[in-house]
Structure formats: structure tokens, C-alpha cells
C-alpha atoms as a PDB file:
ATOM      1  CA  MET A   1       0.000   0.000   0.000  1.00  0.00           C
ATOM      2  CA  GLY A   2       2.769   2.428   0.907  1.00  0.00           C
ATOM      3  CA  LEU A   3       4.604   1.740  -2.367  1.00  0.00           C
ATOM      4  CA  GLU A   4       1.440   2.344  -4.392  1.00  0.00           C
ATOM      5  CA  ILE A   5       0.851   5.671  -2.654  1.00  0.00           C
ATOM      6  CA  PHE A   6       4.444   6.696  -3.330  1.00  0.00           C
ATOM      7  CA  ARG A   7       4.141   5.773  -7.020  1.00  0.00           C
ATOM      8  CA  ALA A   8       0.878   7.702  -7.342  1.00  0.00           C
ATOM      9  CA  PHE A   9       2.454  10.741  -5.700  1.00  0.00           C
ATOM     10  CA  ALA A  10       5.520  10.489  -7.940  1.00  0.00           C
ATOM     11  CA  THR A  11       3.289  10.323 -11.016  1.00  0.00           C
ATOM     12  CA  ARG A  12       1.314  13.398  -9.946  1.00  0.00           C
ATOM     13  CA  PHE A  13       4.512  15.269  -9.098  1.00  0.00           C
ATOM     14  CA  GLY A  14       5.920  14.464 -12.531  1.00  0.00           C
ATOM     15  CA  LEU A  15       2.763  15.732 -14.220  1.00  0.00           C
ATOM     16  CA  VAL A  16       2.830  18.993 -12.292  1.00  0.00           C
ATOM     17  CA  ARG A  17       6.515  19.494 -13.094  1.00  0.00           C
ATOM     18  CA  ALA A  18       5.831  18.871 -16.802  1.00  0.00           C
ATOM     19  CA  LEU A  19       2.920  21.320 -16.728  1.00  0.00           C
ATOM     20  CA  ILE A  20       5.126  23.975 -15.099  1.00  0.00           C
ATOM     21  CA  LEU A  21       7.717  23.581 -17.863  1.00  0.00           C
ATOM     22  CA  ARG A  22       4.966  23.667 -20.479  1.00  0.00           C
ATOM     23  CA  ASP A  23       3.585  26.861 -18.959  1.00  0.00           C
ATOM     24  CA  LEU A  24       6.983  28.544 -18.968  1.00  0.00           C
ATOM     25  CA  LEU A  25       7.644  27.524 -22.578  1.00  0.00           C
ATOM     26  CA  ALA A  26       4.173  28.629 -23.672  1.00  0.00           C
ATOM     27  CA  ARG A  27       4.664  32.080 -22.150  1.00  0.00           C
ATOM     28  CA  HIS A  28       8.312  32.627 -23.109  1.00  0.00           C
ATOM     29  CA  GLY A  29       9.066  30.217 -25.916  1.00  0.00           C
ATOM     30  CA  ARG A  30      12.568  28.825 -25.910  1.00  0.00           C
ATOM     31  CA  GLN A  31      14.284  32.173 -25.467  1.00  0.00           C
ATOM     32  CA  SER A  32      17.082  32.056 -22.918  1.00  0.00           C
ATOM     33  CA  LEU A  33      15.932  35.340 -21.345  1.00  0.00           C
ATOM     34  CA  GLY A  34      12.242  34.409 -21.219  1.00  0.00           C
ATOM     35  CA  PHE A  35      12.045  33.715 -17.504  1.00  0.00           C
ATOM     36  CA  PHE A  36      14.176  36.793 -16.826  1.00  0.00           C
ATOM     37  CA  TRP A  37      11.606  39.026 -18.514  1.00  0.00           C
ATOM     38  CA  ASP A  38       8.876  37.369 -16.472  1.00  0.00           C
ATOM     39  CA  ILE A  39      10.449  38.597 -13.226  1.00  0.00           C
ATOM     40  CA  MET A  40      11.255  42.077 -14.543  1.00  0.00           C
ATOM     41  CA  ASP A  41       7.711  43.355 -13.950  1.00  0.00           C
ATOM     42  CA  PRO A  42       7.872  43.246 -10.131  1.00  0.00           C
ATOM     43  CA  ILE A  43      11.483  44.408 -10.174  1.00  0.00           C
ATOM     44  CA  VAL A  44      10.779  47.503 -12.292  1.00  0.00           C
ATOM     45  CA  LEU A  45       7.636  48.424 -10.361  1.00  0.00           C
ATOM     46  CA  ALA A  46       9.236  47.856  -6.947  1.00  0.00           C
ATOM     47  CA  THR A  47      12.214  49.976  -8.003  1.00  0.00           C
ATOM     48  CA  GLY A  48       9.878  52.756  -9.081  1.00  0.00           C
ATOM     49  CA  VAL A  49       8.076  52.647  -5.726  1.00  0.00           C
ATOM     50  CA  MET A  50      11.410  52.784  -3.862  1.00  0.00           C
ATOM     51  CA  ILE A  51      12.530  55.836  -5.843  1.00  0.00           C
ATOM     52  CA  ILE A  52       9.250  57.708  -5.359  1.00  0.00           C
ATOM     53  CA  TRP A  53       9.042  56.945  -1.639  1.00  0.00           C
ATOM     54  CA  SER A  54      12.680  57.859  -1.021  1.00  0.00           C
ATOM     55  CA  VAL A  55      12.267  61.217  -2.801  1.00  0.00           C
ATOM     56  CA  ALA A  56       9.052  61.920  -0.894  1.00  0.00           C
ATOM     57  CA  ASN A  57      10.654  61.246   2.485  1.00  0.00           C
ATOM     58  CA  GLU A  58      14.411  60.803   2.553  1.00  0.00           C
ATOM     59  CA  SER A  59      14.550  60.318   6.325  1.00  0.00           C
ATOM     60  CA  GLY A  60      12.115  57.407   6.305  1.00  0.00           C
ATOM     61  CA  PHE A  61       8.853  56.753   8.080  1.00  0.00           C
ATOM     62  CA  HIS A  62       8.757  56.098  11.826  1.00  0.00           C
ATOM     63  CA  GLN A  63      12.509  55.387  12.035  1.00  0.00           C
ATOM     64  CA  VAL A  64      12.472  52.705   9.323  1.00  0.00           C
ATOM     65  CA  SER A  65      14.328  52.793   6.023  1.00  0.00           C
ATOM     66  CA  ILE A  66      11.950  53.979   3.316  1.00  0.00           C
ATOM     67  CA  THR A  67      13.555  51.841   0.603  1.00  0.00           C
ATOM     68  CA  THR A  68      13.510  48.749   2.816  1.00  0.00           C
ATOM     69  CA  LEU A  69       9.870  49.435   3.609  1.00  0.00           C
ATOM     70  CA  ALA A  70       9.067  49.701  -0.104  1.00  0.00           C
ATOM     71  CA  VAL A  71      10.558  46.257  -0.755  1.00  0.00           C
ATOM     72  CA  ALA A  72       8.858  44.712   2.270  1.00  0.00           C
ATOM     73  CA  CYS A  73       5.492  46.217   1.290  1.00  0.00           C
ATOM     74  CA  TYR A  74       5.422  46.003  -2.469  1.00  0.00           C
ATOM     75  CA  LEU A  75       6.835  42.560  -3.242  1.00  0.00           C
ATOM     76  CA  PRO A  76       4.128  40.643  -1.315  1.00  0.00           C
ATOM     77  CA  LEU A  77       1.579  42.797  -3.137  1.00  0.00           C
ATOM     78  CA  THR A  78       3.152  41.787  -6.436  1.00  0.00           C
ATOM     79  CA  LEU A  79       2.989  38.128  -5.420  1.00  0.00           C
ATOM     80  CA  SER A  80      -0.741  38.452  -4.699  1.00  0.00           C
ATOM     81  CA  ARG A  81      -1.381  40.035  -8.099  1.00  0.00           C
ATOM     82  CA  HIS A  82       0.615  37.395  -9.925  1.00  0.00           C
ATOM     83  CA  LEU A  83      -1.183  34.553  -8.195  1.00  0.00           C
ATOM     84  CA  ILE A  84      -4.755  35.735  -8.718  1.00  0.00           C
ATOM     85  CA  GLY A  85      -4.685  37.446 -12.123  1.00  0.00           C
ATOM     86  CA  PRO A  86      -3.275  34.615 -14.271  1.00  0.00           C
ATOM     87  CA  LEU A  87      -5.748  32.082 -12.849  1.00  0.00           C
ATOM     88  CA  THR A  88      -8.810  33.804 -14.299  1.00  0.00           C
ATOM     89  CA  ARG A  89     -10.357  31.540 -16.966  1.00  0.00           C
ATOM     90  CA  LEU A  90      -7.343  29.258 -16.619  1.00  0.00           C
ATOM     91  CA  LEU A  91      -9.242  26.005 -17.063  1.00  0.00           C
ATOM     92  CA  ARG A  92     -11.148  27.251 -20.081  1.00  0.00           C
ATOM     93  CA  ASN A  93      -7.955  28.504 -21.708  1.00  0.00           C
ATOM     94  CA  ASN A  94      -6.278  25.136 -21.077  1.00  0.00           C
ATOM     95  CA  SER A  95      -9.241  22.898 -21.794  1.00  0.00           C
ATOM     96  CA  ASN A  96      -7.220  20.955 -24.363  1.00  0.00           C
ATOM     97  CA  LEU A  97      -5.039  19.619 -21.547  1.00  0.00           C
ATOM     98  CA  LEU A  98      -8.069  18.202 -19.759  1.00  0.00           C
ATOM     99  CA  PHE A  99      -8.668  15.938 -22.740  1.00  0.00           C
ATOM    100  CA  HIS A 100      -5.952  13.709 -21.313  1.00  0.00           C
ATOM    101  CA  ARG A 101      -7.415  11.503 -18.599  1.00  0.00           C
ATOM    102  CA  GLN A 102      -4.236  11.625 -16.511  1.00  0.00           C
ATOM    103  CA  ILE A 103      -4.332  15.426 -16.229  1.00  0.00           C
ATOM    104  CA  THR A 104      -6.868  16.947 -13.862  1.00  0.00           C
ATOM    105  CA  ALA A 105      -7.975  20.519 -13.246  1.00  0.00           C
ATOM    106  CA  VAL A 106      -6.172  20.487  -9.893  1.00  0.00           C
ATOM    107  CA  GLU A 107      -2.842  19.757 -11.531  1.00  0.00           C
ATOM    108  CA  VAL A 108      -3.295  22.475 -14.174  1.00  0.00           C
ATOM    109  CA  ILE A 109      -4.063  25.016 -11.452  1.00  0.00           C
ATOM    110  CA  THR A 110      -1.283  23.803  -9.142  1.00  0.00           C
ATOM    111  CA  ALA A 111       1.270  24.095 -11.929  1.00  0.00           C
ATOM    112  CA  ARG A 112       0.279  27.687 -12.683  1.00  0.00           C
ATOM    113  CA  ILE A 113       0.303  28.708  -9.013  1.00  0.00           C
ATOM    114  CA  ILE A 114       3.776  27.205  -8.527  1.00  0.00           C
ATOM    115  CA  SER A 115       5.009  28.845 -11.733  1.00  0.00           C
ATOM    116  CA  GLU A 116       3.794  32.291 -10.649  1.00  0.00           C
ATOM    117  CA  PHE A 117       5.134  31.791  -7.127  1.00  0.00           C
ATOM    118  CA  LEU A 118       8.577  30.855  -8.453  1.00  0.00           C
ATOM    119  CA  SER A 119       8.753  33.878 -10.763  1.00  0.00           C
ATOM    120  CA  SER A 120       7.756  36.264  -7.952  1.00  0.00           C
ATOM    121  CA  THR A 121      10.205  34.589  -5.575  1.00  0.00           C
ATOM    122  CA  SER A 122      12.979  34.948  -8.162  1.00  0.00           C
ATOM    123  CA  ALA A 123      12.165  38.649  -8.418  1.00  0.00           C
ATOM    124  CA  LEU A 124      12.286  38.968  -4.625  1.00  0.00           C
ATOM    125  CA  ILE A 125      15.675  37.257  -4.391  1.00  0.00           C
ATOM    126  CA  LEU A 126      17.179  39.288  -7.228  1.00  0.00           C
ATOM    127  CA  ILE A 127      15.967  42.697  -6.091  1.00  0.00           C
ATOM    128  CA  TYR A 128      16.829  41.982  -2.456  1.00  0.00           C
ATOM    129  CA  PHE A 129      20.434  40.952  -3.027  1.00  0.00           C
ATOM    130  CA  VAL A 130      21.072  43.731  -5.549  1.00  0.00           C
ATOM    131  CA  THR A 131      19.651  46.470  -3.317  1.00  0.00           C
ATOM    132  CA  VAL A 132      21.366  45.131  -0.188  1.00  0.00           C
ATOM    133  CA  ASN A 133      24.730  44.943  -1.944  1.00  0.00           C
ATOM    134  CA  VAL A 134      24.482  48.528  -3.200  1.00  0.00           C
ATOM    135  CA  GLY A 135      23.424  49.687   0.253  1.00  0.00           C
ATOM    136  CA  VAL A 136      19.925  51.036  -0.406  1.00  0.00           C
ATOM    137  CA  VAL A 137      18.048  48.302   1.510  1.00  0.00           C
ATOM    138  CA  ASP A 138      18.840  47.003   4.988  1.00  0.00           C
ATOM    139  CA  PRO A 139      19.520  43.258   5.392  1.00  0.00           C
ATOM    140  CA  ILE A 140      16.701  41.065   6.678  1.00  0.00           C
ATOM    141  CA  GLU A 141      16.812  40.831  10.476  1.00  0.00           C
ATOM    142  CA  ASN A 142      14.844  37.610  10.919  1.00  0.00           C
ATOM    143  CA  TRP A 143      15.159  35.263   7.945  1.00  0.00           C
ATOM    144  CA  PRO A 144      12.847  32.468   9.246  1.00  0.00           C
ATOM    145  CA  LEU A 145      10.049  34.935   9.941  1.00  0.00           C
ATOM    146  CA  ALA A 146      10.448  36.681   6.562  1.00  0.00           C
ATOM    147  CA  LEU A 147      10.370  33.296   4.822  1.00  0.00           C
ATOM    148  CA  LEU A 148       7.309  32.307   6.821  1.00  0.00           C
ATOM    149  CA  GLY A 149       5.554  35.530   5.828  1.00  0.00           C
ATOM    150  CA  TRP A 150       6.377  34.982   2.145  1.00  0.00           C
ATOM    151  CA  LEU A 151       5.134  31.372   2.217  1.00  0.00           C
ATOM    152  CA  PHE A 152       1.951  32.372   4.016  1.00  0.00           C
ATOM    153  CA  THR A 153       1.361  35.092   1.419  1.00  0.00           C
ATOM    154  CA  GLY A 154       1.669  32.483  -1.315  1.00  0.00           C
ATOM    155  CA  TRP A 155      -0.631  30.072   0.521  1.00  0.00           C
ATOM    156  CA  PHE A 156      -3.309  32.625   1.404  1.00  0.00           C
ATOM    157  CA  TYR A 157      -3.480  34.245  -2.020  1.00  0.00           C
ATOM    158  CA  GLY A 158      -3.166  30.849  -3.681  1.00  0.00           C
ATOM    159  CA  GLY A 159      -6.429  29.909  -1.953  1.00  0.00           C
ATOM    160  CA  MET A 160      -8.004  33.129  -3.193  1.00  0.00           C
ATOM    161  CA  ALA A 161      -6.720  32.331  -6.681  1.00  0.00           C
ATOM    162  CA  LEU A 162      -8.583  29.015  -6.596  1.00  0.00           C
ATOM    163  CA  LEU A 163     -11.840  30.828  -5.862  1.00  0.00           C
ATOM    164  CA  ALA A 164     -11.126  33.414  -8.576  1.00  0.00           C
ATOM    165  CA  CYS A 165     -10.465  30.618 -11.043  1.00  0.00           C
ATOM    166  CA  ALA A 166     -13.750  28.899 -10.217  1.00  0.00           C
ATOM    167  CA  TRP A 167     -15.689  32.180 -10.290  1.00  0.00           C
ATOM    168  CA  THR A 168     -14.484  33.074 -13.793  1.00  0.00           C
ATOM    169  CA  GLU A 169     -15.440  29.620 -15.044  1.00  0.00           C
ATOM    170  CA  ILE A 170     -18.987  30.009 -13.674  1.00  0.00           C
ATOM    171  CA  TRP A 171     -19.624  33.619 -14.729  1.00  0.00           C
ATOM    172  CA  ASP A 172     -17.932  35.172 -17.753  1.00  0.00           C
ATOM    173  CA  PRO A 173     -18.050  38.845 -16.579  1.00  0.00           C
ATOM    174  CA  ALA A 174     -16.237  37.902 -13.342  1.00  0.00           C
ATOM    175  CA  GLU A 175     -12.898  38.381 -15.104  1.00  0.00           C
ATOM    176  CA  LYS A 176     -13.664  42.107 -15.440  1.00  0.00           C
ATOM    177  CA  PHE A 177     -14.459  42.505 -11.756  1.00  0.00           C
ATOM    178  CA  ILE A 178     -11.370  40.863 -10.266  1.00  0.00           C
ATOM    179  CA  PRO A 179      -8.791  43.647 -11.011  1.00  0.00           C
ATOM    180  CA  PRO A 180     -10.910  46.479  -9.543  1.00  0.00           C
ATOM    181  CA  ILE A 181     -11.723  44.334  -6.507  1.00  0.00           C
ATOM    182  CA  GLN A 182      -7.993  43.796  -5.966  1.00  0.00           C
ATOM    183  CA  TYR A 183      -7.323  47.542  -6.158  1.00  0.00           C
ATOM    184  CA  LEU A 184     -10.163  48.327  -3.761  1.00  0.00           C
ATOM    185  CA  LEU A 185      -8.830  45.799  -1.244  1.00  0.00           C
ATOM    186  CA  MET A 186      -5.273  47.193  -1.284  1.00  0.00           C
ATOM    187  CA  PRO A 187      -5.880  49.913   1.335  1.00  0.00           C
ATOM    188  CA  LEU A 188      -7.576  47.367   3.617  1.00  0.00           C
ATOM    189  CA  SER A 189      -4.669  44.933   3.382  1.00  0.00           C
ATOM    190  CA  ALA A 190      -2.134  47.366   4.903  1.00  0.00           C
ATOM    191  CA  ALA A 191       0.061  46.914   1.865  1.00  0.00           C
ATOM    192  CA  PHE A 192       1.539  50.417   2.122  1.00  0.00           C
ATOM    193  CA  PHE A 193       1.595  51.049   5.852  1.00  0.00           C
ATOM    194  CA  MET A 194       2.222  49.172   9.081  1.00  0.00           C
ATOM    195  CA  ILE A 195      -0.606  48.443  11.485  1.00  0.00           C
ATOM    196  CA  ASP A 196       1.204  50.096  14.384  1.00  0.00           C
ATOM    197  CA  TRP A 197       0.934  53.451  12.616  1.00  0.00           C
ATOM    198  CA  VAL A 198      -2.867  53.626  12.815  1.00  0.00           C
ATOM    199  CA  PRO A 199      -5.081  54.215  15.886  1.00  0.00           C
ATOM    200  CA  SER A 200      -5.956  51.223  18.051  1.00  0.00           C
ATOM    201  CA  HIS A 201      -9.611  51.122  16.982  1.00  0.00           C
ATOM    202  CA  ALA A 202      -8.539  51.026  13.325  1.00  0.00           C
ATOM    203  CA  GLN A 203      -5.997  48.324  14.124  1.00  0.00           C
ATOM    204  CA  ARG A 204      -8.697  46.018  15.457  1.00  0.00           C
ATOM    205  CA  LEU A 205     -10.773  46.459  12.327  1.00  0.00           C
ATOM    206  CA  LEU A 206      -7.857  46.035   9.922  1.00  0.00           C
ATOM    207  CA  LEU A 207      -6.635  42.881  11.670  1.00  0.00           C
ATOM    208  CA  LEU A 208      -9.937  41.205  10.836  1.00  0.00           C
ATOM    209  CA  ASN A 209      -8.598  41.064   7.282  1.00  0.00           C
ATOM    210  CA  PRO A 210      -6.307  37.991   7.102  1.00  0.00           C
ATOM    211  CA  ALA A 211      -4.278  39.559   4.281  1.00  0.00           C
ATOM    212  CA  VAL A 212      -2.990  42.139   6.765  1.00  0.00           C
ATOM    213  CA  HIS A 213      -1.321  39.368   8.756  1.00  0.00           C
ATOM    214  CA  CYS A 214       0.635  38.257   5.653  1.00  0.00           C
ATOM    215  CA  TYR A 215       2.182  41.707   5.259  1.00  0.00           C
ATOM    216  CA  GLU A 216       2.833  42.142   8.959  1.00  0.00           C
ATOM    217  CA  ILE A 217       4.666  38.804   9.256  1.00  0.00           C
ATOM    218  CA  PHE A 218       6.821  39.531   6.208  1.00  0.00           C
ATOM    219  CA  ARG A 219       7.681  43.036   7.421  1.00  0.00           C
ATOM    220  CA  ALA A 220       8.400  41.723  10.919  1.00  0.00           C
ATOM    221  CA  GLY A 221      10.960  39.424   9.329  1.00  0.00           C
ATOM    222  CA  PHE A 222      12.554  42.330   7.476  1.00  0.00           C
ATOM    223  CA  PHE A 223      12.782  44.714  10.440  1.00  0.00           C
ATOM    224  CA  GLY A 224      12.982  42.250  13.339  1.00  0.00           C
ATOM    225  CA  ASP A 225      12.572  43.769  16.781  1.00  0.00           C
ATOM    226  CA  GLY A 226      13.012  47.251  15.320  1.00  0.00           C
ATOM    227  CA  ILE A 227       9.264  47.570  14.698  1.00  0.00           C
ATOM    228  CA  PRO A 228       6.177  46.395  16.585  1.00  0.00           C
ATOM    229  CA  ALA A 229       4.286  43.903  14.418  1.00  0.00           C
ATOM    230  CA  HIS A 230       0.677  42.803  14.816  1.00  0.00           C
ATOM    231  CA  TYR A 231      -0.300  39.379  13.500  1.00  0.00           C
ATOM    232  CA  SER A 232      -1.774  36.029  14.495  1.00  0.00           C
ATOM    233  CA  LEU A 233      -0.413  32.841  12.969  1.00  0.00           C
ATOM    234  CA  PRO A 234      -3.405  30.691  14.070  1.00  0.00           C
ATOM    235  CA  TYR A 235      -5.850  33.211  12.569  1.00  0.00           C
ATOM    236  CA  LEU A 236      -3.977  33.368   9.250  1.00  0.00           C
ATOM    237  CA  THR A 237      -3.541  29.584   9.173  1.00  0.00           C
ATOM    238  CA  ALA A 238      -7.271  29.025   9.706  1.00  0.00           C
ATOM    239  CA  TRP A 239      -8.123  31.427   6.880  1.00  0.00           C
ATOM    240  CA  SER A 240      -5.554  29.877   4.530  1.00  0.00           C
ATOM    241  CA  ILE A 241      -6.876  26.376   5.173  1.00  0.00           C
ATOM    242  CA  GLY A 242     -10.464  27.554   4.754  1.00  0.00           C
ATOM    243  CA  LEU A 243      -9.738  29.341   1.467  1.00  0.00           C
ATOM    244  CA  THR A 244      -7.839  26.329   0.126  1.00  0.00           C
ATOM    245  CA  LEU A 245     -10.649  23.901   0.976  1.00  0.00           C
ATOM    246  CA  ALA A 246     -13.324  26.253  -0.359  1.00  0.00           C
ATOM    247  CA  GLY A 247     -11.313  26.807  -3.527  1.00  0.00           C
ATOM    248  CA  MET A 248     -10.783  23.092  -4.099  1.00  0.00           C
ATOM    249  CA  ALA A 249     -14.495  22.436  -3.561  1.00  0.00           C
ATOM    250  CA  ALA A 250     -15.378  25.199  -6.034  1.00  0.00           C
ATOM    251  CA  ILE A 251     -12.985  23.832  -8.645  1.00  0.00           C
ATOM    252  CA  TYR A 252     -14.472  20.356  -8.177  1.00  0.00           C
ATOM    253  CA  ARG A 253     -17.964  21.739  -8.841  1.00  0.00           C
ATOM    254  CA  VAL A 254     -17.046  23.685 -11.984  1.00  0.00           C
ATOM    255  CA  ARG A 255     -14.742  21.158 -13.629  1.00  0.00           C
ATOM    256  CA  ASP A 256     -17.646  19.475 -15.437  1.00  0.00           C
ATOM    257  CA  ARG A 257     -18.656  22.825 -16.970  1.00  0.00           C
ATOM    258  CA  ILE A 258     -15.429  23.027 -18.940  1.00  0.00           C
ATOM    259  CA  GLN A 259     -15.870  22.037 -22.558  1.00  0.00           C
ATOM    260  CA  ILE A 260     -12.945  19.960 -23.769  1.00  0.00           C
ATOM    261  CA  SER A 261     -11.649  21.334 -27.062  1.00  0.00           C
END
């Protein structure tokens, strides 16, 4: 029994890996710089944010480096955008893959989520080490906590991406609503400010949003004990599990609606 489970897992893992490679080739072709251009979007935008914020306030906000804050705030936001946006209508656009009995909707979605997560993570690593080496960003104080915040951001928004994927398969106009909804939710996610900066009554309301905890954990890893951070790992874990289960259930219900081409 154990050997059969291992073989089944190995088969599924191989399919997901093949789908990731297929996705990268489909988006970039066989150009050697294809993946590099994929990670340039968050790098260019994060650099622009750092420049604007540093010009606006050279001394920093609340005794924290403004350029470090820009990296710690903007890159998780970029990860959330890259996870949710590309999953709209994903199954319909890849319906030809579902013709193969071995490939399921879950594997198609998993491959895209991993692909987007890897590209955003590559952008994070590149921009972090470049900016640290040139002295414009402070080194991360707590690496385990920063890593935990990044992984939780991927998990939480990955669950939201599952629901977005299912929604766009059920209702065609949903694709038009997702970008404005993301922009409207940005101020409520504390993407551009730390929770400790707002009054206590506003803190309690903002912390009801689980996305806030993703940003706070990641920033706490960047700044360490230098800033007071407000987050709850059990609360964020419960939300991430709930979104993942709800997203998987939604995908299961809509998979039969996809017309195989």
C-alpha cells in the first residue's frame, strides 16, 4: 500500500513538473531570457516605488528605512497580483489539456500557481540581493520569519486564486471585476503602511482582514525587533486552510462545466 501511494504521488509530481515547464515555454518560448523578462515586472515596479518613496521622504517613516519598507510592502503585493490574475479563466484557456485523462484541473491550477510563485520569488531574491549589496536596503533581520511571511502570502493568495479561477469559469463577466476588486482591497490589506501606525480602533478592524497578517509577518521578518508587528499565525492559518478547501471544492464543482476542445 505504501509503495502504491508513493508511485501515485511520484506520477502526480511528474505531471505537475511537466505542466510547469509547459507553462513557462508557452509564455516565453525557448528564449534564454524568457524567464528573466517574467520577473522584470515586479522588479521595475518595486524599483519605481522605492525611488518615489525615497524622494518623498528621505529620512524614512517612523525610524524605518523607506527603501527597505518599499521592498517589504510592495513585493508581497506583487505576489498576490501574480497569483490571482493569471488564474482567471485558466481552465477554459487550457481545456485541451483536460482531454488527457491523466491530467486533472487540480494539476493544471497547481502548476500555474507554482510557476507564478517561483517567478515572484525569483524577483524577490534578485531585487533583495542587488539592493542590499548597493546599500539602499537594509539586510533582513529575521530570515525564518520573513520566509514564513512569504510562504503564508503564497498560501493565502493561492487559496483566493482558486476561488477566482472557479468564479471566472462560472460567470464570464467575473474576469472584469477581479482587477478592480484587488485595487479596492489594497488599502484594507495594509500593503503600504504598518498596522502600528494607525489608531488602536482602526488596528482592530484592519486585523480582521487575514491579508494584513501576511504583510505584517513579512515586514516583521525584514525589520525584526526594530518595529512592533501585529499578527496572528493561528488566525492566518485558519483562513488559509479555509480558502484552500473552499477553492478546491469550487474547482471540483465547476470542472464538469469546462468544454474539452
